[in-house]
Every structure is written in structure tokens, then in C-alpha cells.
PDB file of N, CA and C in Angstrom:
ATOM      1  N   UNK A   1       0.835  -1.102   0.092  1.00  0.00           N
ATOM      2  CA  UNK A   1      -0.032  -0.386  -0.049  1.00  0.00           C
ATOM      3  C   UNK A   1       1.002   1.269   0.048  1.00  0.00           C
ATOM      4  N   UNK A   2       0.706   1.953  -0.693  1.00  0.00           N
ATOM      5  CA  UNK A   2       1.127   3.493  -0.853  1.00  0.00           C
ATOM      6  C   UNK A   2       0.897   4.224   0.323  1.00  0.00           C
ATOM      7  N   UNK A   3       2.292   5.058   0.096  1.00  0.00           N
ATOM      8  CA  UNK A   3       1.810   5.806   1.807  1.00  0.00           C
ATOM      9  C   UNK A   3       0.677   6.629   1.288  1.00  0.00           C
ATOM     10  N   UNK A   4      -0.108   7.239  -0.086  1.00  0.00           N
ATOM     11  CA  UNK A   4      -1.143   8.226  -0.584  1.00  0.00           C
ATOM     12  C   UNK A   4      -2.454   7.332   0.078  1.00  0.00           C
ATOM     13  N   UNK A   5      -2.154   5.653  -0.287  1.00  0.00           N
ATOM     14  CA  UNK A   5      -3.359   5.404   0.051  1.00  0.00           C
ATOM     15  C   UNK A   5      -3.812   4.933   1.368  1.00  0.00           C
ATOM     16  N   UNK A   6      -2.540   5.108   2.066  1.00  0.00           N
ATOM     17  CA  UNK A   6      -2.758   4.585   3.539  1.00  0.00           C
ATOM     18  C   UNK A   6      -3.148   6.103   4.120  1.00  0.00           C
ATOM     19  N   UNK A   7      -2.754   6.868   3.764  1.00  0.00           N
ATOM     20  CA  UNK A   7      -3.356   8.260   4.081  1.00  0.00           C
ATOM     21  C   UNK A   7      -4.633   8.320   3.700  1.00  0.00           C
ATOM     22  N   UNK A   8      -5.518   7.606   2.279  1.00  0.00           N
ATOM     23  CA  UNK A   8      -6.855   8.067   2.404  1.00  0.00           C
ATOM     24  C   UNK A   8      -7.486   6.807   3.099  1.00  0.00           C
ATOM     25  N   UNK A   9      -6.833   5.738   3.297  1.00  0.00           N
ATOM     26  CA  UNK A   9      -7.545   4.969   4.506  1.00  0.00           C
ATOM     27  C   UNK A   9      -7.378   5.559   5.725  1.00  0.00           C
ATOM     28  N   UNK A  10      -6.607   5.827   6.344  1.00  0.00           N
ATOM     29  CA  UNK A  10      -6.649   6.710   7.631  1.00  0.00           C
ATOM     30  C   UNK A  10      -7.435   7.461   7.645  1.00  0.00           C
ATOM     31  N   UNK A  11      -7.709   9.053   6.478  1.00  0.00           N
ATOM     32  CA  UNK A  11      -8.857   9.649   6.548  1.00  0.00           C
ATOM     33  C   UNK A  11      -9.828   8.993   6.813  1.00  0.00           C
ATOM     34  N   UNK A  12     -10.206   8.253   6.167  1.00  0.00           N
ATOM     35  CA  UNK A  12     -12.101   7.463   6.003  1.00  0.00           C
ATOM     36  C   UNK A  12     -12.441   7.065   7.288  1.00  0.00           C
ATOM     37  N   UNK A  13     -10.904   5.862   7.870  1.00  0.00           N
ATOM     38  CA  UNK A  13     -11.371   5.925   9.154  1.00  0.00           C
ATOM     39  C   UNK A  13     -12.063   6.729   9.935  1.00  0.00           C
ATOM     40  N   UNK A  14     -11.272   7.645  10.253  1.00  0.00           N
ATOM     41  CA  UNK A  14     -11.387   8.889  10.904  1.00  0.00           C
ATOM     42  C   UNK A  14     -12.766   9.839  10.597  1.00  0.00           C
ATOM     43  N   UNK A  15     -13.375   9.982   9.311  1.00  0.00           N
ATOM     44  CA  UNK A  15     -14.206  10.046   9.305  1.00  0.00           C
ATOM     45  C   UNK A  15     -15.098   9.285   9.515  1.00  0.00           C
ATOM     46  N   UNK A  16     -15.425   8.204   9.135  1.00  0.00           N
ATOM     47  CA  UNK A  16     -16.478   7.378  10.330  1.00  0.00           C
ATOM     48  C   UNK A  16     -16.792   7.560  11.353  1.00  0.00           C
ATOM     49  N   UNK A  17     -15.252   7.161  12.428  1.00  0.00           N
ATOM     50  CA  UNK A  17     -15.392   7.675  13.398  1.00  0.00           C
ATOM     51  C   UNK A  17     -16.290   8.631  13.669  1.00  0.00           C
ATOM     52  N   UNK A  18     -15.887   9.833  13.357  1.00  0.00           N
ATOM     53  CA  UNK A  18     -16.565  11.231  13.558  1.00  0.00           C
ATOM     54  C   UNK A  18     -18.208  11.035  13.163  1.00  0.00           C
ATOM     55  N   UNK A  19     -18.460  10.413  12.184  1.00  0.00           N
ATOM     56  CA  UNK A  19     -20.105  10.715  12.181  1.00  0.00           C
ATOM     57  C   UNK A  19     -20.512   9.630  12.912  1.00  0.00           C
ATOM     58  N   UNK A  20     -19.655   8.848  13.327  1.00  0.00           N
ATOM     59  CA  UNK A  20     -20.494   7.605  14.515  1.00  0.00           C
ATOM     60  C   UNK A  20     -20.405   8.759  15.445  1.00  0.00           C
ATOM     61  N   UNK A  21     -19.666   9.505  15.748  1.00  0.00           N
ATOM     62  CA  UNK A  21     -19.576  10.159  17.325  1.00  0.00           C
ATOM     63  C   UNK A  21     -20.728  10.949  17.215  1.00  0.00           C
ATOM     64  N   UNK A  22     -21.173  11.835  16.166  1.00  0.00           N
ATOM     65  CA  UNK A  22     -22.158  13.198  15.907  1.00  0.00           C
ATOM     66  C   UNK A  22     -23.007  12.240  15.859  1.00  0.00           C
ATOM     67  N   UNK A  23     -23.588  11.401  15.237  1.00  0.00           N
ATOM     68  CA  UNK A  23     -24.949  10.487  15.027  1.00  0.00           C
ATOM     69  C   UNK A  23     -25.374  10.354  16.996  1.00  0.00           C
ATOM     70  N   UNK A  24     -24.328   9.497  17.589  1.00  0.00           N
ATOM     71  CA  UNK A  24     -24.503   9.201  18.707  1.00  0.00           C
ATOM     72  C   UNK A  24     -24.998  10.076  19.597  1.00  0.00           C
ATOM     73  N   UNK A  25     -24.040  11.777  19.598  1.00  0.00           N
ATOM     74  CA  UNK A  25     -24.242  12.737  20.181  1.00  0.00           C
ATOM     75  C   UNK A  25     -26.044  13.175  19.788  1.00  0.00           C
ATOM     76  N   UNK A  26     -26.062  13.049  18.384  1.00  0.00           N
ATOM     77  CA  UNK A  26     -27.305  14.250  17.969  1.00  0.00           C
ATOM     78  C   UNK A  26     -29.066  13.100  18.523  1.00  0.00           C
ATOM     79  N   UNK A  27     -28.532  12.406  18.737  1.00  0.00           N
ATOM     80  CA  UNK A  27     -29.419  11.058  18.835  1.00  0.00           C
ATOM     81  C   UNK A  27     -29.569  10.960  20.425  1.00  0.00           C
ATOM     82  N   UNK A  28     -28.606  11.517  21.441  1.00  0.00           N
ATOM     83  CA  UNK A  28     -29.314  11.480  22.516  1.00  0.00           C
ATOM     84  C   UNK A  28     -30.049  12.585  22.757  1.00  0.00           C
ATOM     85  N   UNK A  29     -29.828  13.827  21.860  1.00  0.00           N
ATOM     86  CA  UNK A  29     -30.206  14.755  21.993  1.00  0.00           C
ATOM     87  C   UNK A  29     -32.029  14.608  21.386  1.00  0.00           C
ATOM     88  N   UNK A  30     -32.556  13.570  20.940  1.00  0.00           N
ATOM     89  CA  UNK A  30     -33.428  13.482  19.815  1.00  0.00           C
ATOM     90  C   UNK A  30     -34.848  13.355  21.005  1.00  0.00           C
ATOM     91  N   UNK A  31     -35.728  13.812  21.055  1.00  0.00           N
ATOM     92  CA  UNK A  31     -36.769  13.218  21.652  1.00  0.00           C
ATOM     93  C   UNK A  31     -37.696  12.859  21.209  1.00  0.00           C
ATOM     94  N   UNK A  32     -38.138  12.739  20.096  1.00  0.00           N
ATOM     95  CA  UNK A  32     -38.693  12.033  18.563  1.00  0.00           C
ATOM     96  C   UNK A  32     -38.377  10.603  18.929  1.00  0.00           C
ATOM     97  N   UNK A  33     -38.623   9.745  19.393  1.00  0.00           N
ATOM     98  CA  UNK A  33     -38.446   8.150  19.130  1.00  0.00           C
ATOM     99  C   UNK A  33     -38.153   7.521  17.666  1.00  0.00           C
ATOM    100  N   UNK A  34     -38.833   7.897  17.149  1.00  0.00           N
ATOM    101  CA  UNK A  34     -39.026   7.424  15.497  1.00  0.00           C
ATOM    102  C   UNK A  34     -37.111   8.065  14.727  1.00  0.00           C
ATOM    103  N   UNK A  35     -37.560   8.971  14.998  1.00  0.00           N
ATOM    104  CA  UNK A  35     -36.563  10.286  14.418  1.00  0.00           C
ATOM    105  C   UNK A  35     -35.127   9.593  15.320  1.00  0.00           C
ATOM    106  N   UNK A  36     -34.722   9.311  16.422  1.00  0.00           N
ATOM    107  CA  UNK A  36     -33.745   8.695  17.420  1.00  0.00           C
ATOM    108  C   UNK A  36     -33.239   7.598  16.714  1.00  0.00           C
ATOM    109  N   UNK A  37     -34.609   6.841  16.586  1.00  0.00           N
ATOM    110  CA  UNK A  37     -34.008   5.095  15.995  1.00  0.00           C
ATOM    111  C   UNK A  37     -33.092   5.017  14.351  1.00  0.00           C
ATOM    112  N   UNK A  38     -33.858   6.436  13.948  1.00  0.00           N
ATOM    113  CA  UNK A  38     -33.353   6.203  12.701  1.00  0.00           C
ATOM    114  C   UNK A  38     -31.782   6.490  12.259  1.00  0.00           C
ATOM    115  N   UNK A  39     -31.564   7.670  13.495  1.00  0.00           N
ATOM    116  CA  UNK A  39     -30.256   8.507  13.978  1.00  0.00           C
ATOM    117  C   UNK A  39     -29.058   7.044  14.283  1.00  0.00           C
ATOM    118  N   UNK A  40     -29.199   6.481  15.059  1.00  0.00           N
ATOM    119  CA  UNK A  40     -29.113   5.253  16.468  1.00  0.00           C
ATOM    120  C   UNK A  40     -28.717   4.215  15.020  1.00  0.00           C
ATOM    121  N   UNK A  41     -29.940   4.003  14.138  1.00  0.00           N
ATOM    122  CA  UNK A  41     -29.504   3.214  12.575  1.00  0.00           C
ATOM    123  C   UNK A  41     -27.892   3.777  11.994  1.00  0.00           C
ATOM    124  N   UNK A  42     -28.770   5.414  12.305  1.00  0.00           N
ATOM    125  CA  UNK A  42     -26.955   5.785  11.397  1.00  0.00           C
ATOM    126  C   UNK A  42     -25.447   5.680  11.960  1.00  0.00           C
ATOM    127  N   UNK A  43     -25.514   6.014  13.389  1.00  0.00           N
ATOM    128  CA  UNK A  43     -24.517   5.713  14.438  1.00  0.00           C
ATOM    129  C   UNK A  43     -24.197   4.149  14.009  1.00  0.00           C
ATOM    130  N   UNK A  44     -24.938   3.289  13.702  1.00  0.00           N
ATOM    131  CA  UNK A  44     -24.783   1.902  13.764  1.00  0.00           C
ATOM    132  C   UNK A  44     -24.003   1.632  11.857  1.00  0.00           C
ATOM    133  N   UNK A  45     -24.844   2.191  11.597  1.00  0.00           N
ATOM    134  CA  UNK A  45     -24.353   1.772  10.285  1.00  0.00           C
ATOM    135  C   UNK A  45     -22.578   2.493   9.843  1.00  0.00           C
ATOM    136  N   UNK A  46     -22.068   3.594  10.377  1.00  0.00           N
ATOM    137  CA  UNK A  46     -20.888   3.991   9.901  1.00  0.00           C
ATOM    138  C   UNK A  46     -19.861   3.212  11.236  1.00  0.00           C
ATOM    139  N   UNK A  47     -20.580   2.751  12.040  1.00  0.00           N
ATOM    140  CA  UNK A  47     -19.364   1.531  12.891  1.00  0.00           C
ATOM    141  C   UNK A  47     -19.272   0.589  11.949  1.00  0.00           C
ATOM    142  N   UNK A  48     -20.580   0.087  11.462  1.00  0.00           N
ATOM    143  CA  UNK A  48     -19.912  -1.322  10.551  1.00  0.00           C
ATOM    144  C   UNK A  48     -18.817  -0.929   9.247  1.00  0.00           C
ATOM    145  N   UNK A  49     -19.161   0.735   8.742  1.00  0.00           N
ATOM    146  CA  UNK A  49     -18.453   0.744   7.647  1.00  0.00           C
ATOM    147  C   UNK A  49     -16.676   1.079   8.332  1.00  0.00           C
ATOM    148  N   UNK A  50     -16.749   1.711   9.429  1.00  0.00           N
ATOM    149  CA  UNK A  50     -15.654   2.164  10.098  1.00  0.00           C
ATOM    150  C   UNK A  50     -14.815   0.103  10.109  1.00  0.00           C
ATOM    151  N   UNK A  51     -15.553  -0.830  11.015  1.00  0.00           N
ATOM    152  CA  UNK A  51     -15.366  -1.884  10.759  1.00  0.00           C
ATOM    153  C   UNK A  51     -14.515  -2.994   9.306  1.00  0.00           C
ATOM    154  N   UNK A  52     -15.003  -2.403   8.604  1.00  0.00           N
ATOM    155  CA  UNK A  52     -14.461  -2.978   7.313  1.00  0.00           C
ATOM    156  C   UNK A  52     -13.471  -2.504   6.650  1.00  0.00           C
ATOM    157  N   UNK A  53     -13.288  -1.080   7.046  1.00  0.00           N
ATOM    158  CA  UNK A  53     -12.121  -0.108   6.800  1.00  0.00           C
ATOM    159  C   UNK A  53     -10.833  -0.488   7.615  1.00  0.00           C
ATOM    160  N   UNK A  54     -11.353  -1.271   8.571  1.00  0.00           N
ATOM    161  CA  UNK A  54     -10.510  -1.700   9.622  1.00  0.00           C
ATOM    162  C   UNK A  54      -9.988  -3.236   8.975  1.00  0.00           C
ATOM    163  N   UNK A  55     -11.029  -3.407   9.261  1.00  0.00           N
ATOM    164  CA  UNK A  55     -10.620  -5.450   8.218  1.00  0.00           C
ATOM    165  C   UNK A  55      -9.777  -4.787   7.562  1.00  0.00           C
ATOM    166  N   UNK A  56     -10.042  -4.322   6.307  1.00  0.00           N
ATOM    167  CA  UNK A  56      -9.295  -4.016   5.198  1.00  0.00           C
ATOM    168  C   UNK A  56      -7.472  -4.169   5.672  1.00  0.00           C
ATOM    169  N   UNK A  57      -7.272  -3.517   6.945  1.00  0.00           N
ATOM    170  CA  UNK A  57      -5.815  -3.624   6.977  1.00  0.00           C
ATOM    171  C   UNK A  57      -5.193  -4.640   7.448  1.00  0.00           C
TER     172      UNK A  57
END
């Protein structure tokens, strides 16, 4: 893997962690249960994507 490719993967991992964190923070502030569930599912999806990227390494 080239340095540039490694930097891309590192950035992608960082973005997925950031999205997951923001989704969790947002979900904790939402009172509407349906919307809260949707945002929590988004957080789970970002965790899955992070794990898939990580497993490629």
C-alpha cells in the first residue's frame, strides 16, 4: 500500500469515527423516538463501515 493510499484509508477511518460520534451525540438529544431510532441506526452503519475499512488493513 502506498503512502497516499494509507493516508486515504486513515482519513476514511477518521471520518467514519467522526460521523458515528456525531450521530450518537445527536441521537441523545432527540426526543422523537422514530427520528432518534433512525439516527442511532446511522451511527451503527458508520460503525460497520469503520470496521470494514479497519479489517482491510
